[in-house]
Amino acid sequence: MAQDLFVEPAENVVIGVVTSRTGTGPCDIYLEGTQAVFSTDERMPFDNAINGSGFEVDPCTVAVGGSAAVEGYYGDADSKLHIFAFESDDADVLESGVTTITRASCDRGRIEVRGASTLVAGTAVVKEHIDTVLPENQTVFGTADLQFDAVTGTSIYRFRTNLVTSDCPDFVRVESDVDGIAPIAYDSFVVAPVDIK
């Protein structure tokens, strides 16, 4: 006899271009001809739309012809795709001064952290993150320069190093500051779990 039972609606993924923005709502989106609506079901609610760098974006700013990827389920009553995930590089970024972690991994004491930032210059400070320890007292692994990309108008960073011990952290924290402008007060930080191999 089963001890655990999980039931969920069939999830569907649509990747393509926005084919229409017609409708009565403020953000009517048709992706490859399929009408997408943002899920309000508390069991699978829509949270935040992001782009490929992990920045939060406004999904309503993707114009016809722009690309997006969504995930959701079809409603029986309305035949619309109720989405809980939305990603597009053609949507406007909502905040400035934001840094993300797109990858954090550790293999036998060698740690690698990658991400992006809306800052055009500065550094990404990589630390171990422990909830019970104040940020200023957490182990600093090192820093990486933010490399500006004129095409996207944002920066990327990549940090790699061998740890002093072979113990990989469970979480990392990346703080970013603008060199010479805010050397003490950090503009942005983010925390992510580490994929330990």
Protein backbone atom coordinates (compact mmCIF):
# COMPACT_ATOMS: atom_id res chain seq x y z
CA MET A 1 0.00 0.00 0.00
CA ALA A 2 1.29 3.45 -0.95
CA GLN A 3 2.28 5.74 1.91
CA ASP A 4 2.51 8.91 -0.18
CA LEU A 5 0.26 10.03 -3.01
CA PHE A 6 0.89 13.08 -5.19
CA VAL A 7 -1.67 14.40 -7.66
CA GLU A 8 -1.12 17.37 -9.98
CA PRO A 9 -2.49 18.58 -13.29
CA ALA A 10 -0.52 17.85 -16.44
CA GLU A 11 2.06 20.59 -16.92
CA ASN A 12 2.56 22.06 -20.37
CA VAL A 13 5.48 24.09 -21.70
CA VAL A 14 5.18 26.54 -24.59
CA ILE A 15 8.31 28.14 -26.05
CA GLY A 16 8.07 30.58 -28.92
CA VAL A 17 7.04 34.08 -29.93
CA VAL A 18 4.24 36.31 -28.72
CA THR A 19 1.77 36.23 -31.61
CA SER A 20 -0.86 38.62 -30.24
CA ARG A 21 -1.55 41.07 -27.42
CA THR A 22 -5.28 41.50 -28.12
CA GLY A 23 -7.93 41.14 -25.46
CA THR A 24 -9.68 42.99 -22.66
CA GLY A 25 -7.05 42.50 -19.96
CA PRO A 26 -4.01 44.72 -19.31
CA CYS A 27 -1.62 41.87 -20.09
CA ASP A 28 -3.26 39.56 -22.64
CA ILE A 29 -0.53 37.37 -24.10
CA TYR A 30 -0.89 34.82 -26.86
CA LEU A 31 2.21 32.67 -27.20
CA GLU A 32 2.30 30.72 -30.46
CA GLY A 33 -1.46 31.31 -30.69
CA THR A 34 -2.15 29.99 -27.20
CA GLN A 35 -3.72 32.42 -24.73
CA ALA A 36 -1.71 32.49 -21.52
CA VAL A 37 -3.20 33.76 -18.27
CA PHE A 38 -1.41 34.08 -14.96
CA SER A 39 -2.44 31.40 -12.48
CA THR A 40 -4.23 32.59 -9.35
CA ASP A 41 -4.69 29.06 -8.01
CA GLU A 42 -3.10 29.13 -4.55
CA ARG A 43 -1.79 25.59 -5.08
CA MET A 44 0.25 26.61 -8.15
CA PRO A 45 0.30 30.42 -8.22
CA PHE A 46 2.21 32.60 -10.64
CA ASP A 47 5.04 34.28 -8.75
CA ASN A 48 7.66 36.25 -10.70
CA ALA A 49 8.61 36.44 -14.34
CA ILE A 50 12.36 36.26 -15.00
CA ASN A 51 14.82 36.45 -17.86
CA GLY A 52 17.72 34.14 -18.65
CA SER A 53 19.97 35.99 -16.21
CA GLY A 54 17.51 35.55 -13.35
CA PHE A 55 16.41 39.20 -13.24
CA GLU A 56 12.74 39.81 -12.45
CA VAL A 57 10.98 41.21 -15.53
CA ASP A 58 7.60 42.63 -16.46
CA PRO A 59 5.90 39.99 -18.66
CA CYS A 60 3.47 42.60 -19.98
CA THR A 61 6.28 44.39 -21.82
CA VAL A 62 7.04 41.58 -24.27
CA ALA A 63 5.93 42.92 -27.65
CA VAL A 64 4.44 40.91 -30.49
CA GLY A 65 7.33 39.05 -32.09
CA GLY A 66 9.25 38.83 -28.81
CA SER A 67 10.11 35.40 -27.44
CA ALA A 68 9.10 33.77 -24.17
CA ALA A 69 8.84 30.41 -22.45
CA VAL A 70 5.95 29.57 -20.14
CA GLU A 71 4.85 26.61 -18.06
CA GLY A 72 1.36 25.88 -16.80
CA TYR A 73 -1.78 23.82 -17.24
CA TYR A 74 -4.84 24.08 -19.46
CA GLY A 75 -8.12 25.00 -17.79
CA ASP A 76 -11.08 22.71 -18.46
CA ALA A 77 -13.60 25.53 -18.38
CA ASP A 78 -11.80 28.16 -20.45
CA SER A 79 -9.18 26.18 -22.45
CA LYS A 80 -6.59 28.84 -21.56
CA LEU A 81 -3.05 28.05 -20.47
CA HIS A 82 -2.84 29.01 -16.76
CA ILE A 83 0.86 29.73 -16.27
CA PHE A 84 2.91 29.67 -13.08
CA ALA A 85 6.32 30.20 -14.74
CA PHE A 86 7.34 32.82 -17.33
CA GLU A 87 10.79 33.55 -18.78
CA SER A 88 11.72 36.06 -21.48
CA ASP A 89 14.81 38.00 -22.47
CA ASP A 90 12.58 40.42 -24.40
CA ALA A 91 10.83 41.81 -21.30
CA ASP A 92 11.87 44.92 -19.36
CA VAL A 93 13.91 44.34 -16.20
CA LEU A 94 12.02 45.69 -13.19
CA GLU A 95 14.84 46.71 -10.84
CA SER A 96 18.30 48.19 -11.08
CA GLY A 97 21.18 47.34 -8.76
CA VAL A 98 20.27 43.63 -8.74
CA THR A 99 22.68 40.70 -8.80
CA THR A 100 21.74 37.07 -9.45
CA ILE A 101 23.29 33.63 -9.12
CA THR A 102 22.64 31.46 -12.16
CA ARG A 103 24.91 28.59 -11.13
CA ALA A 104 26.62 27.55 -7.90
CA SER A 105 28.44 24.23 -7.76
CA CYS A 106 31.17 22.57 -5.73
CA ASP A 107 33.15 19.44 -6.57
CA ARG A 108 35.77 18.07 -4.16
CA GLY A 109 36.56 21.46 -2.71
CA ARG A 110 36.52 23.43 -5.97
CA ILE A 111 33.70 25.96 -6.01
CA GLU A 112 32.28 27.80 -9.01
CA VAL A 113 29.66 30.57 -8.91
CA ARG A 114 28.25 32.36 -11.97
CA GLY A 115 25.69 35.09 -12.29
CA ALA A 116 24.71 38.45 -13.64
CA SER A 117 24.13 41.98 -12.40
CA THR A 118 22.31 45.08 -13.56
CA LEU A 119 25.34 47.04 -12.32
CA VAL A 120 27.63 48.01 -15.19
CA ALA A 121 30.82 47.79 -13.11
CA GLY A 122 32.03 46.62 -9.74
CA THR A 123 32.71 43.31 -8.05
CA ALA A 124 30.82 40.25 -6.88
CA VAL A 125 31.90 39.13 -3.40
CA VAL A 126 31.30 35.40 -2.89
CA LYS A 127 30.71 34.18 0.67
CA GLU A 128 29.48 31.11 2.47
CA HIS A 129 25.92 31.73 3.66
CA ILE A 130 24.77 30.47 7.05
CA ASP A 131 21.43 31.72 8.40
CA THR A 132 22.66 31.93 11.97
CA VAL A 133 25.77 33.98 11.15
CA LEU A 134 25.74 37.72 10.42
CA PRO A 135 26.72 38.51 6.80
CA GLU A 136 29.80 40.46 7.86
CA ASN A 137 31.07 37.43 9.82
CA GLN A 138 30.59 34.84 7.08
CA THR A 139 33.56 33.26 5.30
CA VAL A 140 34.62 35.19 2.19
CA PHE A 141 35.74 32.89 -0.62
CA GLY A 142 36.85 35.70 -2.93
CA THR A 143 35.70 38.26 -5.50
CA ALA A 144 35.06 38.41 -9.23
CA ASP A 145 34.90 41.47 -11.46
CA LEU A 146 31.61 42.33 -13.15
CA GLN A 147 32.12 42.18 -16.92
CA PHE A 148 29.81 44.56 -18.80
CA ASP A 149 28.01 43.24 -21.90
CA ALA A 150 27.00 46.08 -24.23
CA VAL A 151 24.48 43.85 -26.03
CA THR A 152 22.38 43.10 -22.94
CA GLY A 153 23.27 46.26 -21.01
CA THR A 154 24.07 44.14 -17.96
CA SER A 155 27.14 42.49 -16.47
CA ILE A 156 28.16 38.89 -15.83
CA TYR A 157 30.65 37.36 -13.41
CA ARG A 158 32.32 33.99 -12.95
CA PHE A 159 34.11 32.98 -9.77
CA ARG A 160 36.19 29.82 -9.31
CA THR A 161 38.56 28.80 -6.56
CA ASN A 162 39.82 25.88 -4.51
CA LEU A 163 38.55 26.02 -0.95
CA VAL A 164 40.97 25.90 1.98
CA THR A 165 39.13 22.79 3.17
CA SER A 166 37.38 20.21 1.00
CA ASP A 167 34.05 20.93 2.71
CA CYS A 168 31.62 22.45 0.23
CA PRO A 169 29.13 25.01 1.56
CA ASP A 170 25.40 24.29 1.40
CA PHE A 171 24.60 27.89 0.39
CA VAL A 172 26.53 30.82 -1.05
CA ARG A 173 25.85 34.52 -0.79
CA VAL A 174 26.96 36.97 -3.47
CA GLU A 175 27.18 40.66 -2.62
CA SER A 176 27.92 43.23 -5.29
CA ASP A 177 29.31 46.71 -4.89
CA VAL A 178 30.37 49.46 -7.26
CA ASP A 179 34.14 49.88 -7.10
CA GLY A 180 35.12 53.19 -5.58
CA ILE A 181 31.52 54.22 -4.95
CA ALA A 182 30.15 51.86 -2.32
CA PRO A 183 33.06 49.86 -0.90
CA ILE A 184 31.27 49.11 2.38
CA ALA A 185 27.51 49.39 1.80
CA TYR A 186 26.52 46.67 -0.65
CA ASP A 187 24.04 47.57 -3.38
CA SER A 188 22.74 44.04 -3.88
CA PHE A 189 23.01 40.49 -2.55
CA VAL A 190 21.52 37.11 -3.34
CA VAL A 191 21.61 33.65 -1.75
CA ALA A 192 21.47 30.31 -3.60
CA PRO A 193 21.93 26.62 -2.78
CA VAL A 194 25.13 24.94 -3.94
CA ASP A 195 24.99 21.89 -6.21
CA ILE A 196 27.46 19.58 -4.44
CA LYS A 197 28.89 16.79 -6.59
